[in-house]
Protein backbone atom coordinates (compact mmCIF):
# COMPACT_ATOMS: atom_id res chain seq x y z
CA MET A 1 22.14 1.52 -29.80
CA GLU A 2 21.88 1.11 -26.03
CA THR A 3 18.16 1.43 -24.72
CA LYS A 4 17.81 4.33 -21.89
CA THR A 5 16.50 1.25 -19.41
CA ALA A 6 19.55 -0.60 -20.07
CA PHE A 7 21.50 2.27 -19.58
CA LEU A 8 19.92 2.60 -16.23
CA ALA A 9 20.40 -0.77 -15.02
CA ASP A 10 23.65 -0.59 -15.91
CA ARG A 11 23.95 2.02 -13.36
CA LEU A 12 22.19 0.62 -10.13
CA GLN A 13 24.23 -3.53 -11.03
CA GLU A 14 26.95 -0.42 -10.97
CA VAL A 15 26.12 0.97 -7.45
CA LEU A 16 24.46 -2.18 -6.18
CA LEU A 17 25.97 -5.41 -6.70
CA ASP A 18 29.31 -5.41 -9.04
CA GLY A 19 30.57 -1.31 -10.65
CA ARG A 20 33.85 0.40 -9.04
CA TRP A 21 33.62 3.30 -11.61
CA ILE A 22 32.06 5.99 -9.57
CA ALA A 23 32.83 5.47 -6.36
CA ASN A 24 35.65 2.64 -6.69
CA THR A 25 33.17 -0.10 -4.66
CA ASN A 26 29.68 -0.97 -4.77
CA PHE A 27 27.12 -1.62 -1.97
CA ARG A 28 27.73 -5.51 -2.32
CA GLU A 29 31.61 -5.21 -1.72
CA GLN A 30 30.83 -3.14 1.51
CA ILE A 31 28.37 -4.59 2.88
CA GLN A 32 29.85 -8.39 2.28
CA SER A 33 33.16 -6.89 3.90
CA VAL A 34 31.84 -6.90 7.03
CA ASP A 35 30.61 -8.69 10.14
CA TRP A 36 27.13 -8.52 11.87
CA VAL A 37 28.66 -7.11 14.96
CA GLN A 38 30.34 -4.47 12.65
CA ALA A 39 27.07 -3.60 10.67
CA THR A 40 25.26 -2.87 13.71
CA ARG A 41 28.43 -1.22 15.05
CA GLN A 42 27.30 1.99 16.59
CA PHE A 43 29.47 5.48 15.75
CA GLU A 44 28.39 8.65 17.54
CA ASN A 45 24.72 9.27 16.05
CA LEU A 46 25.27 8.23 13.11
CA ASN A 47 23.10 5.21 11.14
CA THR A 48 25.03 1.86 11.84
CA ILE A 49 25.93 -0.11 8.29
CA ALA A 50 23.09 -2.54 8.81
CA LYS A 51 19.87 0.24 9.01
CA LEU A 52 21.82 1.54 5.54
CA THR A 53 21.11 -1.99 4.12
CA PHE A 54 17.79 -2.00 5.38
CA HIS A 55 17.30 1.12 4.13
CA ILE A 56 18.00 1.24 1.08
CA ASN A 57 16.35 -2.21 0.34
CA TYR A 58 13.29 -0.82 1.97
CA TYR A 59 12.81 1.60 -1.13
CA LEU A 60 13.76 -1.56 -3.36
CA GLU A 61 11.74 -3.90 -2.01
CA GLY A 62 8.58 -1.43 -2.14
CA LEU A 63 9.52 -0.15 -5.30
CA LEU A 64 9.13 -4.14 -6.74
CA ASP A 65 5.88 -4.36 -4.94
CA ALA A 66 4.52 -0.64 -6.87
CA PHE A 67 5.58 -2.37 -10.18
CA ALA A 68 4.30 -5.19 -9.36
CA THR A 69 0.95 -3.91 -7.99
CA GLY A 70 0.40 -0.47 -9.19
CA GLU A 71 0.13 0.43 -5.98
CA LEU A 72 2.75 1.98 -3.47
CA THR A 73 2.42 0.91 -0.37
CA ILE A 74 5.70 1.90 1.27
CA ARG A 75 5.91 4.73 3.79
CA ASP A 76 8.92 7.20 4.57
CA LYS A 77 8.05 6.71 8.61
CA TYR A 78 9.23 3.23 8.15
CA ARG A 79 12.36 3.70 5.90
CA PHE A 80 14.50 2.87 9.06
CA ASP A 81 12.57 0.47 10.99
CA LEU A 82 15.44 -2.48 10.90
CA PRO A 83 14.04 -5.52 13.00
CA PRO A 84 17.17 -6.42 15.29
CA ILE A 85 20.04 -7.97 14.06
CA GLN A 86 21.72 -10.52 17.15
CA SER A 87 22.86 -12.99 15.11
CA ALA A 88 25.79 -13.69 11.99
CA ASN A 89 22.44 -15.46 10.53
CA ASP A 90 20.09 -12.04 10.97
CA TRP A 91 22.88 -9.76 9.25
CA GLU A 92 23.60 -12.79 6.74
CA LYS A 93 19.31 -12.43 5.73
CA LEU A 94 19.06 -9.04 5.49
CA VAL A 95 22.37 -9.10 2.94
CA ASP A 96 21.13 -11.98 0.80
CA THR A 97 17.49 -9.78 0.53
CA PHE A 98 19.26 -6.80 -0.58
CA LEU A 99 21.41 -8.49 -2.87
CA SER A 100 17.70 -10.89 -4.31
CA ASN A 101 15.85 -7.59 -4.35
CA SER A 102 18.82 -5.50 -5.85
CA GLN A 103 19.13 -8.30 -9.07
CA LYS A 104 15.31 -7.95 -9.10
CA PHE A 105 15.22 -4.36 -9.28
CA ILE A 106 17.89 -4.51 -12.00
CA ASP A 107 16.65 -6.85 -14.14
CA TYR A 108 12.98 -5.05 -13.69
CA VAL A 109 14.52 -2.04 -15.19
CA ARG A 110 16.37 -3.77 -18.12
CA SER A 111 12.79 -5.40 -18.78
CA MET A 112 11.14 -2.51 -19.13
CA ASP A 113 10.19 -0.65 -22.49
CA ASP A 114 11.99 2.82 -22.85
CA CYS A 115 8.41 4.11 -23.42
CA LEU A 116 7.38 3.63 -19.83
CA LEU A 117 10.58 5.77 -18.57
CA ASP A 118 7.86 9.12 -19.36
CA ALA A 119 5.16 7.67 -17.86
CA PRO A 120 3.51 8.69 -14.46
CA PHE A 121 4.93 6.64 -11.85
CA ILE A 122 1.90 5.26 -10.07
CA ASP A 123 0.41 9.13 -9.81
CA GLU A 124 1.27 11.75 -11.14
CA LYS A 125 2.48 13.29 -7.90
CA TYR A 126 5.62 10.87 -7.92
CA GLY A 127 7.00 12.18 -11.53
CA ASN A 128 7.53 9.18 -13.70
CA TYR A 129 9.27 6.40 -14.00
CA PHE A 130 12.95 7.72 -15.06
CA ARG A 131 12.64 10.16 -12.44
CA ASN A 132 12.28 7.59 -9.52
CA ILE A 133 14.42 5.46 -10.78
CA GLN A 134 17.17 7.99 -11.22
CA GLY A 135 16.53 8.74 -7.46
CA VAL A 136 17.37 5.14 -6.63
CA ILE A 137 20.62 5.43 -8.26
CA GLU A 138 21.88 8.69 -6.33
CA HIS A 139 20.36 7.55 -2.92
CA SER A 140 22.22 4.31 -3.53
CA TYR A 141 25.22 6.26 -3.75
CA TYR A 142 24.54 8.82 -1.22
CA HIS A 143 24.37 6.08 1.27
CA LEU A 144 27.37 3.91 -0.36
CA GLY A 145 29.49 6.88 0.62
CA GLN A 146 27.98 6.65 4.22
CA VAL A 147 28.18 2.69 4.52
CA SER A 148 32.16 3.38 3.18
CA LEU A 149 33.16 5.63 5.59
CA LEU A 150 31.56 4.00 8.58
CA ARG A 151 33.26 0.72 7.31
CA LYS A 152 36.33 2.53 7.94
CA LEU A 153 35.74 4.32 11.03
CA ILE A 154 35.17 1.23 12.52
CA GLN A 155 37.92 -0.84 11.13
CA THR A 156 40.70 2.04 11.81
CA THR A 157 39.19 2.94 15.70
CA ASN A 158 38.61 -0.77 16.52
CA LEU A 159 35.05 0.16 17.73
């Protein structure tokens, strides 16, 4: 019988790295299919693909740090503070960091004991581990949809 943490890790793997069941795509597929110019292209007042990639990575990185230290140091006010992407190398570094943190997050969740899922996450005001991990999955799907639409808009309008 599959553990709850293995189920959650599989869901994370699906949205972040290699699934196709829910959205017929995943973050890795979307962000690796654009170059740095497309990733930073602004469409009206929407966030760019690069900003959305940074945004999801910001939370993955912050939660990984919280898992390791027991302290939640990330703040929502910094969630879109993407450093300038001015070259292919800058974009590749962001993508590589995102993919690495995605795998680390998935591996951490997969290694967790199911009994930890009901435990308070850092502080009771943040809910439990299950709620926070499920939140990462839902949040990632939400922004994956935006990235997918932005990619289509950019590629079809030659912005």
